[in-house]
C-alpha atoms as a PDB file:
ATOM      1  CA  MET A   1      11.781  17.190  -6.090  1.00  0.00           C
ATOM      2  CA  GLU A   2       8.296  17.919  -4.826  1.00  0.00           C
ATOM      3  CA  ASN A   3       5.823  19.854  -6.881  1.00  0.00           C
ATOM      4  CA  SER A   4       4.370  23.003  -5.356  1.00  0.00           C
ATOM      5  CA  SER A   5       0.867  21.578  -4.812  1.00  0.00           C
ATOM      6  CA  SER A   6       2.090  18.676  -2.662  1.00  0.00           C
ATOM      7  CA  LYS A   7       4.340  21.056  -0.743  1.00  0.00           C
ATOM      8  CA  GLU A   8       1.373  23.364  -0.108  1.00  0.00           C
ATOM      9  CA  ILE A   9      -0.724  20.434   1.086  1.00  0.00           C
ATOM     10  CA  LYS A  10       1.950  19.391   3.579  1.00  0.00           C
ATOM     11  CA  GLU A  11       2.531  22.941   4.837  1.00  0.00           C
ATOM     12  CA  SER A  12      -1.134  23.798   5.236  1.00  0.00           C
ATOM     13  CA  ASN A  13      -2.057  20.530   6.931  1.00  0.00           C
ATOM     14  CA  ASN A  14       0.656  19.891   9.489  1.00  0.00           C
ATOM     15  CA  GLY A  15      -0.743  17.340  11.886  1.00  0.00           C
ATOM     16  CA  GLY A  16      -3.297  16.054   9.393  1.00  0.00           C
ATOM     17  CA  ASP A  17      -2.495  12.525  10.514  1.00  0.00           C
ATOM     18  CA  LEU A  18      -4.875  12.690  13.463  1.00  0.00           C
ATOM     19  CA  GLU A  19      -7.686  14.212  11.430  1.00  0.00           C
ATOM     20  CA  CYS A  20      -7.284  11.476   8.802  1.00  0.00           C
ATOM     21  CA  GLU A  21      -7.300   8.769  11.459  1.00  0.00           C
ATOM     22  CA  ASP A  22     -10.423  10.209  13.078  1.00  0.00           C
ATOM     23  CA  ALA A  23     -12.267  10.366   9.755  1.00  0.00           C
ATOM     24  CA  ILE A  24     -11.247   6.810   8.849  1.00  0.00           C
ATOM     25  CA  MET A  25     -12.223   5.440  12.272  1.00  0.00           C
ATOM     26  CA  ARG A  26     -15.629   7.134  12.104  1.00  0.00           C
ATOM     27  CA  ASP A  27     -16.172   5.663   8.620  1.00  0.00           C
ATOM     28  CA  LYS A  28     -15.138   2.186   9.780  1.00  0.00           C
ATOM     29  CA  GLU A  29     -17.449   2.383  12.808  1.00  0.00           C
ATOM     30  CA  ARG A  30     -20.383   3.504  10.695  1.00  0.00           C
ATOM     31  CA  PHE A  31     -19.893   1.411   7.552  1.00  0.00           C
ATOM     32  CA  GLY A  32     -17.502  -1.339   8.650  1.00  0.00           C
ATOM     33  CA  ARG A  33     -14.794  -0.135   6.266  1.00  0.00           C
ATOM     34  CA  ALA A  34     -13.123   2.980   4.926  1.00  0.00           C
ATOM     35  CA  ARG A  35     -15.055   3.919   1.806  1.00  0.00           C
ATOM     36  CA  THR A  36     -13.293   4.815  -1.439  1.00  0.00           C
ATOM     37  CA  GLY A  37     -14.957   8.224  -1.577  1.00  0.00           C
ATOM     38  CA  LEU A  38     -13.681   9.147   1.875  1.00  0.00           C
ATOM     39  CA  MET A  39     -10.141   8.051   1.007  1.00  0.00           C
ATOM     40  CA  LYS A  40     -10.232  10.111  -2.207  1.00  0.00           C
ATOM     41  CA  GLN A  41     -11.357  13.138  -0.219  1.00  0.00           C
ATOM     42  CA  LEU A  42      -8.646  12.628   2.422  1.00  0.00           C
ATOM     43  CA  ARG A  43      -5.970  12.180  -0.248  1.00  0.00           C
ATOM     44  CA  LEU A  44      -7.009  15.451  -1.878  1.00  0.00           C
ATOM     45  CA  GLN A  45      -7.168  17.315   1.410  1.00  0.00           C
ATOM     46  CA  TYR A  46      -4.108  15.898   3.217  1.00  0.00           C
ATOM     47  CA  GLY A  47      -2.087  14.275   0.443  1.00  0.00           C
ATOM     48  CA  GLN A  48      -1.625  10.700  -0.722  1.00  0.00           C
ATOM     49  CA  GLU A  49       1.105   9.814   1.758  1.00  0.00           C
ATOM     50  CA  VAL A  50      -0.637  11.126   4.886  1.00  0.00           C
ATOM     51  CA  ALA A  51      -3.989   9.494   4.078  1.00  0.00           C
ATOM     52  CA  ASP A  52      -2.468   6.129   3.141  1.00  0.00           C
ATOM     53  CA  ARG A  53      -0.254   6.074   6.237  1.00  0.00           C
ATOM     54  CA  ALA A  54      -3.255   6.800   8.470  1.00  0.00           C
ATOM     55  CA  LEU A  55      -5.219   3.954   6.886  1.00  0.00           C
ATOM     56  CA  LEU A  56      -2.290   1.546   7.266  1.00  0.00           C
ATOM     57  CA  ARG A  57      -1.840   2.475  10.943  1.00  0.00           C
ATOM     58  CA  ILE A  58      -5.511   1.899  11.705  1.00  0.00           C
ATOM     59  CA  ASN A  59      -5.578  -1.416   9.858  1.00  0.00           C
ATOM     60  CA  LYS A  60      -2.443  -2.529  11.692  1.00  0.00           C
ATOM     61  CA  ARG A  61      -3.971  -1.626  15.068  1.00  0.00           C
ATOM     62  CA  VAL A  62      -7.137  -3.552  14.228  1.00  0.00           C
ATOM     63  CA  SER A  63      -5.092  -6.547  13.116  1.00  0.00           C
ATOM     64  CA  GLN A  64      -2.928  -6.507  16.253  1.00  0.00           C
ATOM     65  CA  ASN A  65      -5.990  -6.298  18.509  1.00  0.00           C
ATOM     66  CA  SER A  66      -7.559  -9.181  16.632  1.00  0.00           C
ATOM     67  CA  MET A  67      -4.437 -11.280  17.124  1.00  0.00           C
ATOM     68  CA  LYS A  68      -4.365 -10.464  20.867  1.00  0.00           C
ATOM     69  CA  ILE A  69      -7.998 -11.524  21.233  1.00  0.00           C
ATOM     70  CA  LYS A  70      -7.374 -14.778  19.328  1.00  0.00           C
ATOM     71  CA  LYS A  71      -4.322 -15.537  21.471  1.00  0.00           C
ATOM     72  CA  HIS A  72      -6.256 -14.817  24.642  1.00  0.00           C
ATOM     73  CA  LEU A  73      -9.099 -17.102  23.536  1.00  0.00           C
ATOM     74  CA  SER A  74      -6.769 -19.926  22.552  1.00  0.00           C
ATOM     75  CA  ASP A  75      -4.907 -19.623  25.887  1.00  0.00           C
ATOM     76  CA  ALA A  76      -8.218 -19.812  27.749  1.00  0.00           C
ATOM     77  CA  VAL A  77      -9.207 -22.976  25.861  1.00  0.00           C
ATOM     78  CA  TYR A  78      -5.940 -24.734  26.703  1.00  0.00           C
ATOM     79  CA  ASP A  79      -5.937 -23.601  30.331  1.00  0.00           C
ATOM     80  CA  GLY A  80      -9.240 -25.008  31.289  1.00  0.00           C
END
């Protein structure tokens, strides 16, 4: 059963996923990583689950793009 504070966070911040992602992406662009202080703030504002999911999605996207670039580079080396 959820406690009332986490329920209030979820109800008052429907759609907080995009805001979390935007804040994390801005932090990563500026500092090269998502800082602990920002993640604490996002967890307080949007809840633990929403903030952590947003961070995981962004990290997964970055990782997938990195793998695509590596594959493309290795294919180019073998082709020519």
